[in-house]
Amino acid sequence: MRCMQEHEQREGDFEQAMAILSRHNAIERSIARAEEIIAQAKRLLDLFPESEARRVMRAIADFSVARAS
């Protein structure tokens, strides 16, 4: 909290933040939620006719999930 209020990072702050994220499985939960949202977006894209734009949007969605994993 201090880091956000004072806009200053001290020795050990990053490690402490990572420990908190790890303890609460925040990164894994965020990735899982992102995968859910991407899957929903891809299902919605399937409502549109096949096109280059649809293929590009699906590719971007796939890249986003792959990058996070």
N, C-alpha and C. Protein backbone atom coordinates (compact mmCIF):
# COMPACT_ATOMS: atom_id res chain seq x y z
N MET A 1 0.82 -1.18 0.00
CA MET A 1 0.00 0.00 0.00
C MET A 1 0.88 1.26 0.00
N ARG A 2 1.92 1.20 0.78
CA ARG A 2 2.81 2.35 0.86
C ARG A 2 3.38 2.70 -0.50
N CYS A 3 3.73 1.68 -1.29
CA CYS A 3 4.31 1.92 -2.61
C CYS A 3 3.36 2.73 -3.48
N MET A 4 2.09 2.40 -3.42
CA MET A 4 1.11 3.09 -4.26
C MET A 4 0.86 4.51 -3.75
N GLN A 5 0.85 4.69 -2.46
CA GLN A 5 0.61 6.02 -1.90
C GLN A 5 1.79 6.95 -2.11
N GLU A 6 2.98 6.44 -1.89
CA GLU A 6 4.18 7.27 -1.95
C GLU A 6 4.87 7.22 -3.31
N HIS A 7 4.41 6.32 -4.19
CA HIS A 7 5.03 6.15 -5.52
C HIS A 7 6.53 5.89 -5.39
N GLU A 8 6.85 5.05 -4.41
CA GLU A 8 8.25 4.74 -4.15
C GLU A 8 8.38 3.26 -3.82
N GLN A 9 9.36 2.62 -4.43
CA GLN A 9 9.60 1.21 -4.16
C GLN A 9 10.91 1.06 -3.41
N ARG A 10 10.86 0.29 -2.35
CA ARG A 10 12.05 0.04 -1.55
C ARG A 10 12.50 -1.40 -1.72
N GLU A 11 13.68 -1.67 -1.24
CA GLU A 11 14.25 -3.01 -1.27
C GLU A 11 13.27 -3.99 -0.63
N GLY A 12 12.98 -5.07 -1.34
CA GLY A 12 12.10 -6.11 -0.80
C GLY A 12 10.63 -5.94 -1.11
N ASP A 13 10.23 -4.76 -1.60
CA ASP A 13 8.81 -4.53 -1.89
C ASP A 13 8.29 -5.46 -2.98
N PHE A 14 9.07 -5.61 -4.03
CA PHE A 14 8.64 -6.46 -5.14
C PHE A 14 8.47 -7.90 -4.66
N GLU A 15 9.43 -8.38 -3.92
CA GLU A 15 9.38 -9.75 -3.41
C GLU A 15 8.17 -9.94 -2.49
N GLN A 16 7.89 -8.93 -1.68
CA GLN A 16 6.73 -9.01 -0.79
C GLN A 16 5.43 -9.05 -1.60
N ALA A 17 5.35 -8.23 -2.62
CA ALA A 17 4.16 -8.21 -3.47
C ALA A 17 3.98 -9.56 -4.17
N MET A 18 5.06 -10.12 -4.68
CA MET A 18 4.98 -11.43 -5.34
C MET A 18 4.57 -12.52 -4.36
N ALA A 19 5.02 -12.44 -3.14
CA ALA A 19 4.64 -13.43 -2.12
C ALA A 19 3.13 -13.35 -1.83
N ILE A 20 2.62 -12.14 -1.76
CA ILE A 20 1.18 -11.96 -1.53
C ILE A 20 0.39 -12.52 -2.71
N LEU A 21 0.81 -12.20 -3.92
CA LEU A 21 0.13 -12.72 -5.12
C LEU A 21 0.18 -14.24 -5.13
N SER A 22 1.31 -14.80 -4.80
CA SER A 22 1.48 -16.25 -4.79
C SER A 22 0.61 -16.90 -3.72
N ARG A 23 0.59 -16.32 -2.55
CA ARG A 23 -0.19 -16.87 -1.44
C ARG A 23 -1.68 -16.96 -1.78
N HIS A 24 -2.16 -16.04 -2.58
CA HIS A 24 -3.58 -15.99 -2.94
C HIS A 24 -3.85 -16.56 -4.34
N ASN A 25 -2.83 -17.19 -4.94
CA ASN A 25 -2.96 -17.75 -6.29
C ASN A 25 -3.51 -16.72 -7.28
N ALA A 26 -3.16 -15.47 -7.10
CA ALA A 26 -3.72 -14.39 -7.91
C ALA A 26 -3.34 -14.50 -9.38
N ILE A 27 -2.12 -14.87 -9.66
CA ILE A 27 -1.69 -14.94 -11.06
C ILE A 27 -2.41 -16.08 -11.77
N GLU A 28 -2.45 -17.25 -11.14
CA GLU A 28 -3.13 -18.39 -11.75
C GLU A 28 -4.62 -18.11 -11.94
N ARG A 29 -5.23 -17.49 -10.93
CA ARG A 29 -6.66 -17.17 -11.04
C ARG A 29 -6.92 -16.13 -12.12
N SER A 30 -6.02 -15.18 -12.26
CA SER A 30 -6.17 -14.16 -13.31
C SER A 30 -6.05 -14.78 -14.70
N ILE A 31 -5.10 -15.69 -14.87
CA ILE A 31 -4.93 -16.36 -16.16
C ILE A 31 -6.16 -17.20 -16.47
N ALA A 32 -6.67 -17.93 -15.48
CA ALA A 32 -7.87 -18.75 -15.70
C ALA A 32 -9.05 -17.89 -16.09
N ARG A 33 -9.21 -16.77 -15.44
CA ARG A 33 -10.33 -15.86 -15.77
C ARG A 33 -10.16 -15.29 -17.17
N ALA A 34 -8.95 -14.93 -17.53
CA ALA A 34 -8.68 -14.41 -18.87
C ALA A 34 -9.01 -15.47 -19.92
N GLU A 35 -8.66 -16.72 -19.64
CA GLU A 35 -8.97 -17.80 -20.58
C GLU A 35 -10.47 -17.97 -20.75
N GLU A 36 -11.23 -17.81 -19.66
CA GLU A 36 -12.70 -17.88 -19.74
C GLU A 36 -13.24 -16.76 -20.63
N ILE A 37 -12.73 -15.56 -20.42
CA ILE A 37 -13.21 -14.40 -21.19
C ILE A 37 -12.85 -14.56 -22.66
N ILE A 38 -11.65 -15.03 -22.95
CA ILE A 38 -11.23 -15.24 -24.34
C ILE A 38 -12.10 -16.30 -25.00
N ALA A 39 -12.40 -17.38 -24.29
CA ALA A 39 -13.26 -18.43 -24.85
C ALA A 39 -14.65 -17.87 -25.17
N GLN A 40 -15.17 -17.05 -24.28
CA GLN A 40 -16.47 -16.43 -24.53
C GLN A 40 -16.41 -15.50 -25.74
N ALA A 41 -15.35 -14.72 -25.83
CA ALA A 41 -15.19 -13.80 -26.96
C ALA A 41 -15.13 -14.58 -28.28
N LYS A 42 -14.42 -15.69 -28.27
CA LYS A 42 -14.31 -16.50 -29.49
C LYS A 42 -15.66 -17.11 -29.87
N ARG A 43 -16.45 -17.52 -28.87
CA ARG A 43 -17.79 -18.03 -29.18
C ARG A 43 -18.65 -16.93 -29.81
N LEU A 44 -18.53 -15.72 -29.30
CA LEU A 44 -19.29 -14.61 -29.86
C LEU A 44 -18.81 -14.26 -31.27
N LEU A 45 -17.52 -14.37 -31.51
CA LEU A 45 -17.01 -14.13 -32.85
C LEU A 45 -17.58 -15.12 -33.86
N ASP A 46 -17.88 -16.32 -33.39
CA ASP A 46 -18.43 -17.34 -34.28
C ASP A 46 -19.82 -16.98 -34.79
N LEU A 47 -20.45 -15.99 -34.19
CA LEU A 47 -21.76 -15.54 -34.66
C LEU A 47 -21.64 -14.76 -35.97
N PHE A 48 -20.44 -14.27 -36.26
CA PHE A 48 -20.21 -13.49 -37.47
C PHE A 48 -19.75 -14.40 -38.60
N PRO A 49 -20.04 -13.98 -39.84
CA PRO A 49 -19.59 -14.79 -40.97
C PRO A 49 -18.05 -14.84 -41.01
N GLU A 50 -17.54 -15.93 -41.56
CA GLU A 50 -16.10 -16.09 -41.72
C GLU A 50 -15.56 -14.92 -42.54
N SER A 51 -14.48 -14.33 -42.05
CA SER A 51 -13.85 -13.20 -42.75
C SER A 51 -12.42 -13.06 -42.25
N GLU A 52 -11.66 -12.24 -42.94
CA GLU A 52 -10.29 -11.97 -42.52
C GLU A 52 -10.28 -11.30 -41.14
N ALA A 53 -11.19 -10.37 -40.92
CA ALA A 53 -11.27 -9.66 -39.63
C ALA A 53 -11.54 -10.66 -38.49
N ARG A 54 -12.46 -11.58 -38.72
CA ARG A 54 -12.77 -12.58 -37.69
C ARG A 54 -11.56 -13.47 -37.43
N ARG A 55 -10.87 -13.89 -38.47
CA ARG A 55 -9.67 -14.71 -38.29
C ARG A 55 -8.60 -13.96 -37.50
N VAL A 56 -8.43 -12.68 -37.79
CA VAL A 56 -7.43 -11.88 -37.08
C VAL A 56 -7.81 -11.73 -35.61
N MET A 57 -9.08 -11.46 -35.33
CA MET A 57 -9.51 -11.31 -33.94
C MET A 57 -9.35 -12.62 -33.16
N ARG A 58 -9.63 -13.75 -33.79
CA ARG A 58 -9.42 -15.04 -33.13
C ARG A 58 -7.93 -15.27 -32.88
N ALA A 59 -7.10 -14.90 -33.84
CA ALA A 59 -5.65 -15.06 -33.68
C ALA A 59 -5.13 -14.19 -32.53
N ILE A 60 -5.64 -12.98 -32.43
CA ILE A 60 -5.24 -12.10 -31.33
C ILE A 60 -5.67 -12.71 -30.00
N ALA A 61 -6.87 -13.25 -29.95
CA ALA A 61 -7.36 -13.89 -28.72
C ALA A 61 -6.46 -15.07 -28.35
N ASP A 62 -6.15 -15.91 -29.33
CA ASP A 62 -5.27 -17.07 -29.08
C ASP A 62 -3.89 -16.62 -28.61
N PHE A 63 -3.36 -15.58 -29.22
CA PHE A 63 -2.05 -15.06 -28.82
C PHE A 63 -2.08 -14.57 -27.39
N SER A 64 -3.15 -13.88 -27.01
CA SER A 64 -3.26 -13.33 -25.67
C SER A 64 -3.21 -14.43 -24.62
N VAL A 65 -3.93 -15.52 -24.87
CA VAL A 65 -3.94 -16.63 -23.92
C VAL A 65 -2.58 -17.32 -23.89
N ALA A 66 -2.00 -17.56 -25.06
CA ALA A 66 -0.71 -18.24 -25.12
C ALA A 66 0.37 -17.43 -24.44
N ARG A 67 0.33 -16.13 -24.59
CA ARG A 67 1.34 -15.25 -24.00
C ARG A 67 1.28 -15.28 -22.47
N ALA A 68 0.07 -15.37 -21.94
CA ALA A 68 -0.10 -15.36 -20.49
C ALA A 68 0.27 -16.68 -19.84
N SER A 69 0.21 -17.75 -20.60
CA SER A 69 0.45 -19.08 -20.00
C SER A 69 1.91 -19.41 -19.89
